[in-house]
């Protein structure tokens, strides 16, 4: 019997914060590039943007 390889998720939620009953923020890390994104959502929609540091460069997670 052949075993299936488990596929690693490309994105992982690093932080999940509620800012209200139907709204919140998440920091999502791309596990291939290490780049972090901010996702904000509320009852009617949401948005995603790359997190940047003081120099305008993308925030990259430290290697583990």
N, C-alpha and C. Protein backbone atom coordinates (compact mmCIF):
# COMPACT_ATOMS: atom_id res chain seq x y z
N UNK A 1 0.85 -1.17 0.00
CA UNK A 1 0.00 0.00 0.00
C UNK A 1 0.90 1.24 0.00
N UNK A 2 0.55 2.20 -0.88
CA UNK A 2 1.31 3.44 -0.97
C UNK A 2 0.82 4.45 0.05
N UNK A 3 1.77 5.11 0.71
CA UNK A 3 1.42 6.16 1.67
C UNK A 3 1.44 7.50 0.96
N UNK A 4 0.41 8.31 1.20
CA UNK A 4 0.39 9.66 0.63
C UNK A 4 1.27 10.57 1.46
N UNK A 5 1.99 11.46 0.76
CA UNK A 5 2.77 12.47 1.46
C UNK A 5 1.82 13.50 2.04
N UNK A 6 2.08 13.89 3.26
CA UNK A 6 1.27 14.96 3.83
C UNK A 6 1.78 16.28 3.29
N UNK A 7 0.87 17.06 2.74
CA UNK A 7 1.23 18.34 2.17
C UNK A 7 1.33 19.37 3.29
N UNK A 8 2.45 20.09 3.32
CA UNK A 8 2.65 21.13 4.32
C UNK A 8 1.90 22.38 3.86
N UNK A 9 1.17 22.98 4.79
CA UNK A 9 0.47 24.22 4.47
C UNK A 9 1.48 25.32 4.20
N UNK A 10 1.23 26.10 3.15
CA UNK A 10 2.15 27.18 2.81
C UNK A 10 2.01 28.35 3.77
N UNK A 11 0.80 28.61 4.25
CA UNK A 11 0.56 29.75 5.12
C UNK A 11 0.17 29.29 6.52
N UNK A 12 0.63 30.02 7.53
CA UNK A 12 0.22 29.71 8.89
C UNK A 12 -0.15 31.01 9.61
N UNK A 13 -1.11 30.91 10.49
CA UNK A 13 -1.54 32.07 11.27
C UNK A 13 -0.62 32.19 12.47
N UNK A 14 0.06 33.33 12.57
CA UNK A 14 1.01 33.58 13.65
C UNK A 14 0.30 34.25 14.82
N UNK A 15 -0.67 35.13 14.52
CA UNK A 15 -1.40 35.86 15.54
C UNK A 15 -2.84 36.00 15.09
N UNK A 16 -3.77 35.79 16.00
CA UNK A 16 -5.20 35.93 15.71
C UNK A 16 -5.81 36.75 16.83
N UNK A 17 -6.21 37.99 16.52
CA UNK A 17 -6.72 38.91 17.53
C UNK A 17 -8.11 39.39 17.17
N UNK A 18 -9.02 39.29 18.09
CA UNK A 18 -10.37 39.80 17.89
C UNK A 18 -10.39 41.27 18.26
N UNK A 19 -11.03 42.10 17.42
CA UNK A 19 -11.17 43.52 17.72
C UNK A 19 -12.63 43.89 17.91
N UNK A 20 -13.49 42.91 17.93
CA UNK A 20 -14.92 43.12 18.12
C UNK A 20 -15.65 41.80 17.92
N UNK A 21 -16.96 41.85 17.97
CA UNK A 21 -17.75 40.62 17.81
C UNK A 21 -17.54 39.98 16.44
N UNK A 22 -17.44 40.80 15.40
CA UNK A 22 -17.32 40.25 14.04
C UNK A 22 -16.11 40.81 13.30
N UNK A 23 -15.11 41.28 14.04
CA UNK A 23 -13.94 41.84 13.38
C UNK A 23 -12.67 41.39 14.09
N UNK A 24 -11.56 41.49 13.36
CA UNK A 24 -10.30 41.10 13.96
C UNK A 24 -9.14 41.27 13.01
N UNK A 25 -7.98 40.90 13.49
CA UNK A 25 -6.74 40.96 12.71
C UNK A 25 -6.01 39.64 12.84
N UNK A 26 -5.31 39.30 11.79
CA UNK A 26 -4.45 38.11 11.81
C UNK A 26 -3.13 38.47 11.17
N UNK A 27 -2.07 37.92 11.69
CA UNK A 27 -0.78 37.98 11.02
C UNK A 27 -0.56 36.60 10.44
N UNK A 28 -0.32 36.57 9.15
CA UNK A 28 -0.17 35.32 8.40
C UNK A 28 1.24 35.25 7.84
N UNK A 29 1.90 34.12 8.06
CA UNK A 29 3.27 33.94 7.56
C UNK A 29 3.28 32.99 6.38
N UNK A 30 3.97 33.39 5.33
CA UNK A 30 4.21 32.52 4.18
C UNK A 30 5.39 31.64 4.56
N UNK A 31 5.17 30.36 4.73
CA UNK A 31 6.22 29.47 5.23
C UNK A 31 7.33 29.23 4.21
N UNK A 32 7.09 29.56 2.94
CA UNK A 32 8.15 29.39 1.93
C UNK A 32 9.08 30.59 1.87
N UNK A 33 8.54 31.79 2.02
CA UNK A 33 9.36 33.01 1.93
C UNK A 33 9.65 33.63 3.28
N UNK A 34 8.83 33.32 4.30
CA UNK A 34 8.96 33.92 5.62
C UNK A 34 8.30 35.27 5.75
N UNK A 35 7.76 35.81 4.65
CA UNK A 35 7.14 37.14 4.68
C UNK A 35 5.84 37.10 5.46
N UNK A 36 5.61 38.16 6.26
CA UNK A 36 4.41 38.27 7.09
C UNK A 36 3.42 39.24 6.47
N UNK A 37 2.15 38.91 6.60
CA UNK A 37 1.06 39.72 6.07
C UNK A 37 0.08 40.03 7.20
N UNK A 38 -0.56 41.20 7.10
CA UNK A 38 -1.62 41.58 8.03
C UNK A 38 -2.94 41.44 7.30
N UNK A 39 -3.85 40.69 7.89
CA UNK A 39 -5.21 40.52 7.36
C UNK A 39 -6.17 41.09 8.38
N UNK A 40 -6.95 42.09 7.96
CA UNK A 40 -7.97 42.67 8.84
C UNK A 40 -9.32 42.34 8.25
N UNK A 41 -10.26 41.94 9.09
CA UNK A 41 -11.59 41.60 8.59
C UNK A 41 -12.64 42.17 9.53
N UNK A 42 -13.79 42.43 8.96
CA UNK A 42 -14.94 42.83 9.76
C UNK A 42 -16.18 42.18 9.17
N UNK A 43 -17.31 42.56 9.63
CA UNK A 43 -18.55 41.91 9.24
C UNK A 43 -18.78 41.90 7.73
N UNK A 44 -18.35 42.92 7.05
CA UNK A 44 -18.68 43.07 5.63
C UNK A 44 -17.51 42.89 4.68
N UNK A 45 -16.32 42.66 5.16
CA UNK A 45 -15.19 42.50 4.24
C UNK A 45 -13.88 42.41 4.98
N UNK A 46 -12.81 42.57 4.23
CA UNK A 46 -11.49 42.48 4.82
C UNK A 46 -10.43 42.93 3.84
N UNK A 47 -9.21 42.94 4.30
CA UNK A 47 -8.10 43.34 3.45
C UNK A 47 -6.81 42.70 3.91
N UNK A 48 -5.90 42.56 2.97
CA UNK A 48 -4.62 41.91 3.21
C UNK A 48 -3.51 42.83 2.73
N UNK A 49 -2.46 42.97 3.53
CA UNK A 49 -1.30 43.77 3.12
C UNK A 49 -0.04 43.17 3.71
N UNK A 50 1.07 43.39 3.04
CA UNK A 50 2.35 42.91 3.55
C UNK A 50 2.76 43.81 4.72
N UNK A 51 3.33 43.21 5.75
CA UNK A 51 3.87 44.00 6.86
C UNK A 51 5.25 44.49 6.46
N UNK A 52 5.55 45.77 6.75
CA UNK A 52 6.86 46.31 6.43
C UNK A 52 7.53 46.85 7.69
N UNK A 53 8.86 46.88 7.66
CA UNK A 53 9.61 47.41 8.79
C UNK A 53 9.84 48.91 8.62
N UNK A 54 10.67 49.50 9.48
CA UNK A 54 10.92 50.94 9.46
C UNK A 54 11.55 51.41 8.16
N UNK A 55 12.25 50.53 7.48
CA UNK A 55 12.94 50.89 6.23
C UNK A 55 12.12 50.58 4.99
N UNK A 56 10.88 50.13 5.19
CA UNK A 56 10.01 49.84 4.06
C UNK A 56 10.20 48.46 3.46
N UNK A 57 10.97 47.62 4.13
CA UNK A 57 11.21 46.25 3.67
C UNK A 57 10.19 45.31 4.30
N UNK A 58 9.82 44.23 3.60
CA UNK A 58 8.88 43.26 4.18
C UNK A 58 9.42 42.64 5.46
N UNK A 59 8.54 42.42 6.43
CA UNK A 59 8.90 41.74 7.67
C UNK A 59 9.03 40.26 7.35
N UNK A 60 10.20 39.70 7.66
CA UNK A 60 10.45 38.28 7.38
C UNK A 60 10.67 37.57 8.71
N UNK A 61 9.99 36.43 8.88
CA UNK A 61 10.11 35.63 10.09
C UNK A 61 11.52 35.06 10.19
N UNK A 62 12.05 34.97 11.40
CA UNK A 62 13.38 34.35 11.56
C UNK A 62 13.33 32.88 11.18
N UNK A 63 14.43 32.39 10.63
CA UNK A 63 14.51 30.96 10.27
C UNK A 63 14.51 30.12 11.51
N UNK A 64 13.87 28.97 11.42
CA UNK A 64 13.81 28.08 12.59
C UNK A 64 14.66 26.87 12.37
